PDB file of all heavy atoms in Angstrom:
ATOM      1  N   ASP A   1      -1.668 -13.899  -5.909  1.00  0.00           N
ATOM      2  CA  ASP A   1      -0.622 -13.864  -4.941  1.00  0.00           C
ATOM      3  C   ASP A   1       0.708 -13.642  -5.557  1.00  0.00           C
ATOM      4  O   ASP A   1       1.204 -14.320  -6.534  1.00  0.00           O
ATOM      5  CB  ASP A   1      -0.583 -15.206  -4.317  1.00  0.00           C
ATOM      6  CG  ASP A   1       0.459 -15.310  -3.206  1.00  0.00           C
ATOM      7  OD1 ASP A   1       0.270 -14.872  -2.039  1.00  0.00           O
ATOM      8  OD2 ASP A   1       1.568 -15.814  -3.516  1.00  0.00           O
ATOM      9  N   PRO A   2       1.517 -12.509  -5.138  1.00  0.00           N
ATOM     10  CA  PRO A   2       2.776 -12.097  -5.796  1.00  0.00           C
ATOM     11  C   PRO A   2       3.786 -13.241  -5.807  1.00  0.00           C
ATOM     12  O   PRO A   2       4.410 -13.470  -6.863  1.00  0.00           O
ATOM     13  CB  PRO A   2       3.239 -10.869  -5.035  1.00  0.00           C
ATOM     14  CG  PRO A   2       1.942 -10.403  -4.381  1.00  0.00           C
ATOM     15  CD  PRO A   2       1.093 -11.548  -4.130  1.00  0.00           C
ATOM     16  N   ALA A   3       3.853 -13.970  -4.836  1.00  0.00           N
ATOM     17  CA  ALA A   3       4.814 -15.108  -4.744  1.00  0.00           C
ATOM     18  C   ALA A   3       4.540 -16.109  -5.731  1.00  0.00           C
ATOM     19  O   ALA A   3       5.451 -16.708  -6.445  1.00  0.00           O
ATOM     20  CB  ALA A   3       4.989 -15.629  -3.309  1.00  0.00           C
ATOM     21  N   GLN A   4       3.290 -16.563  -5.795  1.00  0.00           N
ATOM     22  CA  GLN A   4       2.924 -17.562  -6.774  1.00  0.00           C
ATOM     23  C   GLN A   4       2.998 -17.104  -8.194  1.00  0.00           C
ATOM     24  O   GLN A   4       3.406 -17.870  -9.042  1.00  0.00           O
ATOM     25  CB  GLN A   4       1.489 -18.072  -6.503  1.00  0.00           C
ATOM     26  CG  GLN A   4       1.374 -18.832  -5.071  1.00  0.00           C
ATOM     27  CD  GLN A   4       0.029 -19.365  -4.773  1.00  0.00           C
ATOM     28  OE1 GLN A   4      -0.500 -20.148  -5.580  1.00  0.00           O
ATOM     29  NE2 GLN A   4      -0.600 -19.020  -3.731  1.00  0.00           N
ATOM     30  N   LEU A   5       2.653 -15.803  -8.387  1.00  0.00           N
ATOM     31  CA  LEU A   5       2.754 -15.260  -9.621  1.00  0.00           C
ATOM     32  C   LEU A   5       4.352 -15.330 -10.095  1.00  0.00           C
ATOM     33  O   LEU A   5       4.668 -15.611 -11.311  1.00  0.00           O
ATOM     34  CB  LEU A   5       2.329 -13.830  -9.753  1.00  0.00           C
ATOM     35  CG  LEU A   5       2.479 -13.010 -11.037  1.00  0.00           C
ATOM     36  CD1 LEU A   5       1.914 -13.752 -12.269  1.00  0.00           C
ATOM     37  CD2 LEU A   5       1.878 -11.634 -10.839  1.00  0.00           C
ATOM     38  N   LYS A   6       5.167 -15.071  -9.261  1.00  0.00           N
ATOM     39  CA  LYS A   6       6.639 -15.042  -9.524  1.00  0.00           C
ATOM     40  C   LYS A   6       7.014 -16.410 -10.010  1.00  0.00           C
ATOM     41  O   LYS A   6       7.899 -16.519 -10.905  1.00  0.00           O
ATOM     42  CB  LYS A   6       7.417 -14.551  -8.317  1.00  0.00           C
ATOM     43  CG  LYS A   6       7.517 -13.217  -8.064  1.00  0.00           C
ATOM     44  CD  LYS A   6       8.582 -12.472  -8.974  1.00  0.00           C
ATOM     45  CE  LYS A   6       8.783 -11.032  -8.531  1.00  0.00           C
ATOM     46  NZ  LYS A   6       9.792 -10.393  -9.525  1.00  0.00           N
ATOM     47  N   VAL A   7       6.514 -17.456  -9.373  1.00  0.00           N
ATOM     48  CA  VAL A   7       6.909 -18.786  -9.716  1.00  0.00           C
ATOM     49  C   VAL A   7       6.517 -19.085 -11.171  1.00  0.00           C
ATOM     50  O   VAL A   7       7.320 -19.610 -12.064  1.00  0.00           O
ATOM     51  CB  VAL A   7       6.236 -19.859  -8.870  1.00  0.00           C
ATOM     52  CG1 VAL A   7       6.423 -21.207  -9.449  1.00  0.00           C
ATOM     53  CG2 VAL A   7       6.730 -19.747  -7.456  1.00  0.00           C
ATOM     54  N   VAL A   8       5.388 -18.680 -11.635  1.00  0.00           N
ATOM     55  CA  VAL A   8       4.942 -18.856 -12.992  1.00  0.00           C
ATOM     56  C   VAL A   8       5.720 -17.969 -13.922  1.00  0.00           C
ATOM     57  O   VAL A   8       6.125 -18.334 -15.012  1.00  0.00           O
ATOM     58  CB  VAL A   8       3.325 -18.588 -13.113  1.00  0.00           C
ATOM     59  CG1 VAL A   8       2.933 -18.780 -14.637  1.00  0.00           C
ATOM     60  CG2 VAL A   8       2.605 -19.370 -12.220  1.00  0.00           C
ATOM     61  N   GLU A   9       5.992 -16.757 -13.553  1.00  0.00           N
ATOM     62  CA  GLU A   9       6.850 -15.829 -14.366  1.00  0.00           C
ATOM     63  C   GLU A   9       8.239 -16.504 -14.701  1.00  0.00           C
ATOM     64  O   GLU A   9       8.683 -16.564 -15.755  1.00  0.00           O
ATOM     65  CB  GLU A   9       7.192 -14.502 -13.540  1.00  0.00           C
ATOM     66  CG  GLU A   9       6.038 -13.610 -13.661  1.00  0.00           C
ATOM     67  CD  GLU A   9       6.378 -12.306 -12.913  1.00  0.00           C
ATOM     68  OE1 GLU A   9       7.310 -11.535 -13.426  1.00  0.00           O
ATOM     69  OE2 GLU A   9       5.834 -12.032 -11.877  1.00  0.00           O
ATOM     70  N   SER A  10       8.837 -17.039 -13.580  1.00  0.00           N
ATOM     71  CA  SER A  10      10.141 -17.679 -13.740  1.00  0.00           C
ATOM     72  C   SER A  10       9.995 -18.858 -14.691  1.00  0.00           C
ATOM     73  O   SER A  10      10.915 -19.022 -15.611  1.00  0.00           O
ATOM     74  CB  SER A  10      10.658 -18.168 -12.429  1.00  0.00           C
ATOM     75  OG  SER A  10      10.821 -17.063 -11.543  1.00  0.00           O
ATOM     76  N   TYR A  11       8.938 -19.640 -14.580  1.00  0.00           N
ATOM     77  CA  TYR A  11       8.760 -20.794 -15.515  1.00  0.00           C
ATOM     78  C   TYR A  11       8.732 -20.328 -16.982  1.00  0.00           C
ATOM     79  O   TYR A  11       9.352 -20.908 -17.794  1.00  0.00           O
ATOM     80  CB  TYR A  11       7.543 -21.517 -15.081  1.00  0.00           C
ATOM     81  CG  TYR A  11       7.325 -22.838 -15.691  1.00  0.00           C
ATOM     82  CD1 TYR A  11       7.504 -24.059 -15.102  1.00  0.00           C
ATOM     83  CD2 TYR A  11       6.968 -22.989 -17.138  1.00  0.00           C
ATOM     84  CE1 TYR A  11       7.290 -25.301 -15.701  1.00  0.00           C
ATOM     85  CE2 TYR A  11       6.869 -24.255 -17.739  1.00  0.00           C
ATOM     86  CZ  TYR A  11       6.981 -25.394 -16.985  1.00  0.00           C
ATOM     87  OH  TYR A  11       6.858 -26.542 -17.587  1.00  0.00           O
ATOM     88  N   VAL A  12       7.846 -19.289 -17.142  1.00  0.00           N
ATOM     89  CA  VAL A  12       7.677 -18.710 -18.560  1.00  0.00           C
ATOM     90  C   VAL A  12       8.976 -18.237 -19.087  1.00  0.00           C
ATOM     91  O   VAL A  12       9.345 -18.491 -20.332  1.00  0.00           O
ATOM     92  CB  VAL A  12       6.605 -17.676 -18.583  1.00  0.00           C
ATOM     93  CG1 VAL A  12       6.558 -16.811 -19.890  1.00  0.00           C
ATOM     94  CG2 VAL A  12       5.187 -18.247 -18.220  1.00  0.00           C
ATOM     95  N   ALA A  13       9.724 -17.449 -18.346  1.00  0.00           N
ATOM     96  CA  ALA A  13      10.899 -16.921 -18.813  1.00  0.00           C
ATOM     97  C   ALA A  13      11.935 -17.870 -19.156  1.00  0.00           C
ATOM     98  O   ALA A  13      12.854 -17.666 -20.053  1.00  0.00           O
ATOM     99  CB  ALA A  13      11.463 -15.868 -17.722  1.00  0.00           C
ATOM    100  N   ALA A  14      12.006 -18.981 -18.432  1.00  0.00           N
ATOM    101  CA  ALA A  14      13.000 -20.069 -18.713  1.00  0.00           C
ATOM    102  C   ALA A  14      12.682 -21.045 -19.775  1.00  0.00           C
ATOM    103  O   ALA A  14      13.604 -21.853 -20.174  1.00  0.00           O
ATOM    104  CB  ALA A  14      13.287 -20.782 -17.341  1.00  0.00           C
ATOM    105  N   ASP A  15      11.440 -21.011 -20.257  1.00  0.00           N
ATOM    106  CA  ASP A  15      10.970 -22.038 -21.235  1.00  0.00           C
ATOM    107  C   ASP A  15      11.325 -21.657 -22.641  1.00  0.00           C
ATOM    108  O   ASP A  15      10.769 -20.786 -23.277  1.00  0.00           O
ATOM    109  CB  ASP A  15       9.385 -22.170 -21.128  1.00  0.00           C
ATOM    110  CG  ASP A  15       8.951 -23.378 -21.893  1.00  0.00           C
ATOM    111  OD1 ASP A  15       9.717 -23.955 -22.726  1.00  0.00           O
ATOM    112  OD2 ASP A  15       7.767 -23.820 -21.701  1.00  0.00           O
ATOM    113  N   GLU A  16      12.328 -22.352 -23.185  1.00  0.00           N
ATOM    114  CA  GLU A  16      12.893 -21.997 -24.531  1.00  0.00           C
ATOM    115  C   GLU A  16      11.993 -22.595 -25.676  1.00  0.00           C
ATOM    116  O   GLU A  16      12.194 -22.292 -26.710  1.00  0.00           O
ATOM    117  CB  GLU A  16      14.338 -22.442 -24.653  1.00  0.00           C
ATOM    118  CG  GLU A  16      15.280 -21.877 -23.655  1.00  0.00           C
ATOM    119  CD  GLU A  16      16.659 -22.314 -23.868  1.00  0.00           C
ATOM    120  OE1 GLU A  16      16.909 -23.259 -24.667  1.00  0.00           O
ATOM    121  OE2 GLU A  16      17.615 -21.790 -23.268  1.00  0.00           O
ATOM    122  N   ARG A  17      10.976 -23.403 -25.177  1.00  0.00           N
ATOM    123  CA  ARG A  17      10.080 -24.005 -26.195  1.00  0.00           C
ATOM    124  C   ARG A  17       8.785 -23.279 -26.199  1.00  0.00           C
ATOM    125  O   ARG A  17       7.833 -23.682 -26.989  1.00  0.00           O
ATOM    126  CB  ARG A  17       9.949 -25.448 -26.073  1.00  0.00           C
ATOM    127  CG  ARG A  17      11.169 -26.301 -26.457  1.00  0.00           C
ATOM    128  CD  ARG A  17      10.955 -27.731 -26.046  1.00  0.00           C
ATOM    129  NE  ARG A  17       9.650 -28.316 -26.476  1.00  0.00           N
ATOM    130  CZ  ARG A  17       8.919 -29.172 -25.743  1.00  0.00           C
ATOM    131  NH1 ARG A  17       9.475 -29.583 -24.529  1.00  0.00           N
ATOM    132  NH2 ARG A  17       7.773 -29.618 -26.215  1.00  0.00           N
ATOM    133  N   LEU A  18       8.583 -22.260 -25.444  1.00  0.00           N
ATOM    134  CA  LEU A  18       7.288 -21.733 -25.345  1.00  0.00           C
ATOM    135  C   LEU A  18       6.915 -20.965 -26.595  1.00  0.00           C
ATOM    136  O   LEU A  18       7.601 -19.950 -26.959  1.00  0.00           O
ATOM    137  CB  LEU A  18       7.203 -20.691 -24.065  1.00  0.00           C
ATOM    138  CG  LEU A  18       5.828 -20.065 -23.880  1.00  0.00           C
ATOM    139  CD1 LEU A  18       4.752 -21.147 -23.364  1.00  0.00           C
ATOM    140  CD2 LEU A  18       5.978 -18.944 -22.803  1.00  0.00           C
ATOM    141  N   THR A  19       5.880 -21.515 -27.220  1.00  0.00           N
ATOM    142  CA  THR A  19       5.486 -20.939 -28.569  1.00  0.00           C
ATOM    143  C   THR A  19       4.205 -19.968 -28.401  1.00  0.00           C
ATOM    144  O   THR A  19       4.091 -19.019 -29.155  1.00  0.00           O
ATOM    145  CB  THR A  19       5.172 -22.077 -29.517  1.00  0.00           C
ATOM    146  OG1 THR A  19       6.238 -22.854 -29.699  1.00  0.00           O
ATOM    147  CG2 THR A  19       4.757 -21.510 -30.893  1.00  0.00           C
ATOM    148  N   LEU A  20       3.441 -20.280 -27.500  1.00  0.00           N
ATOM    149  CA  LEU A  20       2.108 -19.555 -27.312  1.00  0.00           C
ATOM    150  C   LEU A  20       1.845 -19.381 -25.827  1.00  0.00           C
ATOM    151  O   LEU A  20       1.871 -20.379 -25.003  1.00  0.00           O
ATOM    152  CB  LEU A  20       1.037 -20.315 -28.011  1.00  0.00           C
ATOM    153  CG  LEU A  20      -0.358 -19.784 -27.801  1.00  0.00           C
ATOM    154  CD1 LEU A  20      -0.519 -18.355 -28.441  1.00  0.00           C
ATOM    155  CD2 LEU A  20      -1.445 -20.698 -28.383  1.00  0.00           C
ATOM    156  N   LEU A  21       1.542 -18.176 -25.455  1.00  0.00           N
ATOM    157  CA  LEU A  21       1.061 -17.882 -24.081  1.00  0.00           C
ATOM    158  C   LEU A  21      -0.347 -17.355 -24.196  1.00  0.00           C
ATOM    159  O   LEU A  21      -0.636 -16.366 -24.981  1.00  0.00           O
ATOM    160  CB  LEU A  21       1.904 -16.765 -23.472  1.00  0.00           C
ATOM    161  CG  LEU A  21       1.383 -16.031 -22.192  1.00  0.00           C
ATOM    162  CD1 LEU A  21       1.323 -17.178 -21.035  1.00  0.00           C
ATOM    163  CD2 LEU A  21       2.290 -14.920 -21.683  1.00  0.00           C
ATOM    164  N   VAL A  22      -1.229 -17.933 -23.452  1.00  0.00           N
ATOM    165  CA  VAL A  22      -2.689 -17.583 -23.475  1.00  0.00           C
ATOM    166  C   VAL A  22      -2.971 -16.969 -22.076  1.00  0.00           C
ATOM    167  O   VAL A  22      -3.102 -17.733 -21.094  1.00  0.00           O
ATOM    168  CB  VAL A  22      -3.609 -18.699 -23.814  1.00  0.00           C
ATOM    169  CG1 VAL A  22      -5.097 -18.195 -23.828  1.00  0.00           C
ATOM    170  CG2 VAL A  22      -3.373 -19.346 -25.211  1.00  0.00           C
ATOM    171  N   ASN A  23      -3.078 -15.705 -22.003  1.00  0.00           N
ATOM    172  CA  ASN A  23      -3.406 -15.055 -20.736  1.00  0.00           C
ATOM    173  C   ASN A  23      -4.926 -14.998 -20.567  1.00  0.00           C
ATOM    174  O   ASN A  23      -5.585 -14.029 -21.031  1.00  0.00           O
ATOM    175  CB  ASN A  23      -2.823 -13.611 -20.712  1.00  0.00           C
ATOM    176  CG  ASN A  23      -1.405 -13.649 -20.364  1.00  0.00           C
ATOM    177  OD1 ASN A  23      -0.844 -14.296 -19.366  1.00  0.00           O
ATOM    178  ND2 ASN A  23      -0.618 -12.844 -21.195  1.00  0.00           N
ATOM    179  N   ASN A  24      -5.540 -15.981 -20.098  1.00  0.00           N
ATOM    180  CA  ASN A  24      -6.931 -16.129 -19.927  1.00  0.00           C
ATOM    181  C   ASN A  24      -7.491 -15.928 -18.566  1.00  0.00           C
ATOM    182  O   ASN A  24      -8.706 -15.563 -18.476  1.00  0.00           O
ATOM    183  CB  ASN A  24      -7.426 -17.518 -20.445  1.00  0.00           C
ATOM    184  CG  ASN A  24      -8.836 -17.833 -20.163  1.00  0.00           C
ATOM    185  OD1 ASN A  24      -9.753 -17.207 -20.763  1.00  0.00           O
ATOM    186  ND2 ASN A  24      -9.056 -18.751 -19.223  1.00  0.00           N
ATOM    187  N   ALA A  25      -6.730 -16.094 -17.526  1.00  0.00           N
ATOM    188  CA  ALA A  25      -7.235 -16.017 -16.137  1.00  0.00           C
ATOM    189  C   ALA A  25      -7.815 -14.610 -15.838  1.00  0.00           C
ATOM    190  O   ALA A  25      -7.229 -13.597 -16.260  1.00  0.00           O
ATOM    191  CB  ALA A  25      -6.032 -16.315 -15.224  1.00  0.00           C
ATOM    192  N   GLY A  26      -9.025 -14.562 -15.335  1.00  0.00           N
ATOM    193  CA  GLY A  26      -9.623 -13.342 -14.923  1.00  0.00           C
ATOM    194  C   GLY A  26     -11.030 -13.583 -14.276  1.00  0.00           C
ATOM    195  O   GLY A  26     -11.521 -14.714 -14.349  1.00  0.00           O
ATOM    196  N   PHE A  27     -11.514 -12.589 -13.582  1.00  0.00           N
ATOM    197  CA  PHE A  27     -12.876 -12.570 -13.182  1.00  0.00           C
ATOM    198  C   PHE A  27     -13.510 -11.275 -13.164  1.00  0.00           C
ATOM    199  O   PHE A  27     -12.822 -10.244 -13.331  1.00  0.00           O
ATOM    200  CB  PHE A  27     -12.889 -13.256 -11.719  1.00  0.00           C
ATOM    201  CG  PHE A  27     -12.420 -12.420 -10.623  1.00  0.00           C
ATOM    202  CD1 PHE A  27     -13.275 -11.578  -9.870  1.00  0.00           C
ATOM    203  CD2 PHE A  27     -11.064 -12.411 -10.325  1.00  0.00           C
ATOM    204  CE1 PHE A  27     -12.846 -10.733  -8.853  1.00  0.00           C
ATOM    205  CE2 PHE A  27     -10.497 -11.681  -9.265  1.00  0.00           C
ATOM    206  CZ  PHE A  27     -11.498 -10.832  -8.496  1.00  0.00           C
ATOM    207  N   GLY A  28     -14.798 -11.147 -12.931  1.00  0.00           N
ATOM    208  CA  GLY A  28     -15.563  -9.922 -12.953  1.00  0.00           C
ATOM    209  C   GLY A  28     -16.354  -9.782 -11.785  1.00  0.00           C
ATOM    210  O   GLY A  28     -16.606 -10.749 -11.071  1.00  0.00           O
ATOM    211  N   THR A  29     -16.735  -8.582 -11.335  1.00  0.00           N
ATOM    212  CA  THR A  29     -17.666  -8.195 -10.326  1.00  0.00           C
ATOM    213  C   THR A  29     -18.799  -7.290 -10.749  1.00  0.00           C
ATOM    214  O   THR A  29     -18.605  -6.618 -11.761  1.00  0.00           O
ATOM    215  CB  THR A  29     -16.944  -7.573  -9.070  1.00  0.00           C
ATOM    216  OG1 THR A  29     -16.227  -6.431  -9.707  1.00  0.00           O
ATOM    217  CG2 THR A  29     -15.968  -8.540  -8.416  1.00  0.00           C
ATOM    218  N   MET A  30     -19.923  -7.449 -10.176  1.00  0.00           N
ATOM    219  CA  MET A  30     -21.059  -6.617 -10.562  1.00  0.00           C
ATOM    220  C   MET A  30     -21.654  -5.854  -9.337  1.00  0.00           C
ATOM    221  O   MET A  30     -21.650  -6.527  -8.227  1.00  0.00           O
ATOM    222  CB  MET A  30     -22.188  -7.553 -11.149  1.00  0.00           C
ATOM    223  CG  MET A  30     -21.903  -8.041 -12.619  1.00  0.00           C
ATOM    224  SD  MET A  30     -22.104  -6.812 -13.738  1.00  0.00           S
ATOM    225  CE  MET A  30     -23.838  -6.402 -13.734  1.00  0.00           C
ATOM    226  N   GLY A  31     -22.070  -4.666  -9.605  1.00  0.00           N
ATOM    227  CA  GLY A  31     -22.628  -3.853  -8.503  1.00  0.00           C
ATOM    228  C   GLY A  31     -22.174  -2.456  -8.498  1.00  0.00           C
ATOM    229  O   GLY A  31     -21.324  -2.044  -9.320  1.00  0.00           O
ATOM    230  N   ARG A  32     -22.816  -1.610  -7.678  1.00  0.00           N
ATOM    231  CA  ARG A  32     -22.313  -0.259  -7.546  1.00  0.00           C
ATOM    232  C   ARG A  32     -20.988  -0.198  -6.894  1.00  0.00           C
ATOM    233  O   ARG A  32     -20.720  -0.744  -5.862  1.00  0.00           O
ATOM    234  CB  ARG A  32     -23.263   0.624  -6.739  1.00  0.00           C
ATOM    235  CG  ARG A  32     -24.698   0.669  -7.434  1.00  0.00           C
ATOM    236  CD  ARG A  32     -25.596   1.504  -6.544  1.00  0.00           C
ATOM    237  NE  ARG A  32     -27.035   1.593  -7.064  1.00  0.00           N
ATOM    238  CZ  ARG A  32     -27.440   2.432  -7.957  1.00  0.00           C
ATOM    239  NH1 ARG A  32     -26.534   3.374  -8.497  1.00  0.00           N
ATOM    240  NH2 ARG A  32     -28.610   2.387  -8.471  1.00  0.00           N
ATOM    241  N   PHE A  33     -19.961   0.511  -7.595  1.00  0.00           N
ATOM    242  CA  PHE A  33     -18.621   0.434  -7.171  1.00  0.00           C
ATOM    243  C   PHE A  33     -18.448   0.722  -5.615  1.00  0.00           C
ATOM    244  O   PHE A  33     -17.715   0.102  -4.923  1.00  0.00           O
ATOM    245  CB  PHE A  33     -17.769   1.295  -7.943  1.00  0.00           C
ATOM    246  CG  PHE A  33     -16.372   1.319  -7.547  1.00  0.00           C
ATOM    247  CD1 PHE A  33     -15.459   0.272  -7.837  1.00  0.00           C
ATOM    248  CD2 PHE A  33     -15.764   2.331  -6.859  1.00  0.00           C
ATOM    249  CE1 PHE A  33     -14.135   0.184  -7.457  1.00  0.00           C
ATOM    250  CE2 PHE A  33     -14.380   2.365  -6.449  1.00  0.00           C
ATOM    251  CZ  PHE A  33     -13.595   1.256  -6.708  1.00  0.00           C
ATOM    252  N   HIS A  34     -19.196   1.716  -5.168  1.00  0.00           N
ATOM    253  CA  HIS A  34     -19.086   2.246  -3.782  1.00  0.00           C
ATOM    254  C   HIS A  34     -19.465   1.191  -2.765  1.00  0.00           C
ATOM    255  O   HIS A  34     -19.291   1.353  -1.552  1.00  0.00           O
ATOM    256  CB  HIS A  34     -19.639   3.604  -3.543  1.00  0.00           C
ATOM    257  CG  HIS A  34     -21.078   3.597  -3.613  1.00  0.00           C
ATOM    258  ND1 HIS A  34     -21.846   3.646  -4.788  1.00  0.00           N
ATOM    259  CD2 HIS A  34     -22.051   3.566  -2.615  1.00  0.00           C
ATOM    260  CE1 HIS A  34     -23.125   3.642  -4.481  1.00  0.00           C
ATOM    261  NE2 HIS A  34     -23.277   3.551  -3.193  1.00  0.00           N
ATOM    262  N   GLU A  35     -20.208   0.129  -3.175  1.00  0.00           N
ATOM    263  CA  GLU A  35     -20.817  -0.828  -2.329  1.00  0.00           C
ATOM    264  C   GLU A  35     -20.033  -2.161  -2.368  1.00  0.00           C
ATOM    265  O   GLU A  35     -20.250  -3.033  -1.607  1.00  0.00           O
ATOM    266  CB  GLU A  35     -22.240  -0.982  -2.799  1.00  0.00           C
ATOM    267  CG  GLU A  35     -23.152   0.177  -2.495  1.00  0.00           C
ATOM    268  CD  GLU A  35     -24.566  -0.149  -2.956  1.00  0.00           C
ATOM    269  OE1 GLU A  35     -24.794  -1.051  -3.770  1.00  0.00           O
ATOM    270  OE2 GLU A  35     -25.508   0.663  -2.668  1.00  0.00           O
ATOM    271  N   LEU A  36     -19.146  -2.321  -3.269  1.00  0.00           N
ATOM    272  CA  LEU A  36     -18.354  -3.510  -3.476  1.00  0.00           C
ATOM    273  C   LEU A  36     -17.199  -3.535  -2.495  1.00  0.00           C
ATOM    274  O   LEU A  36     -16.628  -2.474  -2.144  1.00  0.00           O
ATOM    275  CB  LEU A  36     -17.895  -3.596  -4.913  1.00  0.00           C
ATOM    276  CG  LEU A  36     -18.882  -3.726  -5.987  1.00  0.00           C
ATOM    277  CD1 LEU A  36     -18.384  -3.599  -7.370  1.00  0.00           C
ATOM    278  CD2 LEU A  36     -19.746  -4.988  -5.843  1.00  0.00           C
ATOM    279  N   ASP A  37     -16.727  -4.826  -2.341  1.00  0.00           N
ATOM    280  CA  ASP A  37     -15.553  -5.027  -1.396  1.00  0.00           C
ATOM    281  C   ASP A  37     -14.368  -4.565  -2.152  1.00  0.00           C
ATOM    282  O   ASP A  37     -13.903  -5.118  -3.219  1.00  0.00           O
ATOM    283  CB  ASP A  37     -15.464  -6.563  -1.132  1.00  0.00           C
ATOM    284  CG  ASP A  37     -14.231  -6.962  -0.298  1.00  0.00           C
ATOM    285  OD1 ASP A  37     -13.389  -6.052   0.039  1.00  0.00           O
ATOM    286  OD2 ASP A  37     -14.199  -8.042   0.136  1.00  0.00           O
ATOM    287  N   VAL A  38     -13.653  -3.573  -1.683  1.00  0.00           N
ATOM    288  CA  VAL A  38     -12.501  -2.946  -2.347  1.00  0.00           C
ATOM    289  C   VAL A  38     -11.284  -3.926  -2.444  1.00  0.00           C
ATOM    290  O   VAL A  38     -10.542  -3.855  -3.497  1.00  0.00           O
ATOM    291  CB  VAL A  38     -12.052  -1.658  -1.718  1.00  0.00           C
ATOM    292  CG1 VAL A  38     -11.392  -1.865  -0.314  1.00  0.00           C
ATOM    293  CG2 VAL A  38     -11.150  -0.833  -2.632  1.00  0.00           C
ATOM    294  N   ASP A  39     -11.187  -4.865  -1.454  1.00  0.00           N
ATOM    295  CA  ASP A  39     -10.138  -5.832  -1.603  1.00  0.00           C
ATOM    296  C   ASP A  39     -10.383  -6.809  -2.743  1.00  0.00           C
ATOM    297  O   ASP A  39      -9.411  -7.159  -3.427  1.00  0.00           O
ATOM    298  CB  ASP A  39      -9.961  -6.563  -0.317  1.00  0.00           C
ATOM    299  CG  ASP A  39      -9.474  -5.862   0.881  1.00  0.00           C
ATOM    300  OD1 ASP A  39      -8.713  -4.770   0.552  1.00  0.00           O
ATOM    301  OD2 ASP A  39      -9.810  -6.105   2.057  1.00  0.00           O
ATOM    302  N   LYS A  40     -11.590  -7.069  -3.078  1.00  0.00           N
ATOM    303  CA  LYS A  40     -11.911  -8.000  -4.121  1.00  0.00           C
ATOM    304  C   LYS A  40     -11.714  -7.170  -5.477  1.00  0.00           C
ATOM    305  O   LYS A  40     -11.329  -7.820  -6.467  1.00  0.00           O
ATOM    306  CB  LYS A  40     -13.324  -8.518  -3.983  1.00  0.00           C
ATOM    307  CG  LYS A  40     -13.694  -9.526  -5.064  1.00  0.00           C
ATOM    308  CD  LYS A  40     -15.004 -10.221  -4.862  1.00  0.00           C
ATOM    309  CE  LYS A  40     -15.259 -11.394  -5.794  1.00  0.00           C
ATOM    310  NZ  LYS A  40     -16.580 -12.040  -5.677  1.00  0.00           N
ATOM    311  N   GLU A  41     -11.987  -5.947  -5.445  1.00  0.00           N
ATOM    312  CA  GLU A  41     -11.754  -5.069  -6.672  1.00  0.00           C
ATOM    313  C   GLU A  41     -10.306  -5.064  -6.923  1.00  0.00           C
ATOM    314  O   GLU A  41      -9.927  -5.173  -8.067  1.00  0.00           O
ATOM    315  CB  GLU A  41     -12.395  -3.702  -6.513  1.00  0.00           C
ATOM    316  CG  GLU A  41     -13.807  -3.635  -6.261  1.00  0.00           C
ATOM    317  CD  GLU A  41     -14.605  -4.170  -7.442  1.00  0.00           C
ATOM    318  OE1 GLU A  41     -14.664  -3.528  -8.540  1.00  0.00           O
ATOM    319  OE2 GLU A  41     -15.163  -5.321  -7.308  1.00  0.00           O
ATOM    320  N   GLU A  42      -9.483  -4.938  -5.931  1.00  0.00           N
ATOM    321  CA  GLU A  42      -7.942  -4.927  -6.132  1.00  0.00           C
ATOM    322  C   GLU A  42      -7.601  -6.259  -6.676  1.00  0.00           C
ATOM    323  O   GLU A  42      -6.679  -6.285  -7.556  1.00  0.00           O
ATOM    324  CB  GLU A  42      -7.338  -4.595  -4.797  1.00  0.00           C
ATOM    325  CG  GLU A  42      -5.832  -4.691  -5.027  1.00  0.00           C
ATOM    326  CD  GLU A  42      -5.014  -4.364  -3.678  1.00  0.00           C
ATOM    327  OE1 GLU A  42      -5.670  -3.589  -2.767  1.00  0.00           O
ATOM    328  OE2 GLU A  42      -3.920  -4.720  -3.562  1.00  0.00           O
TER     329      GLU A  42
END
């Protein structure tokens, strides 16, 4: 969600003690691309 992502961005940018950022969030999908839900792919 763009609005919720903006909140975390602002937090990260303002944190003067941030030493390490771990970008771990993610998920995958399986199947023939033309059969998958395009909104989920996005």
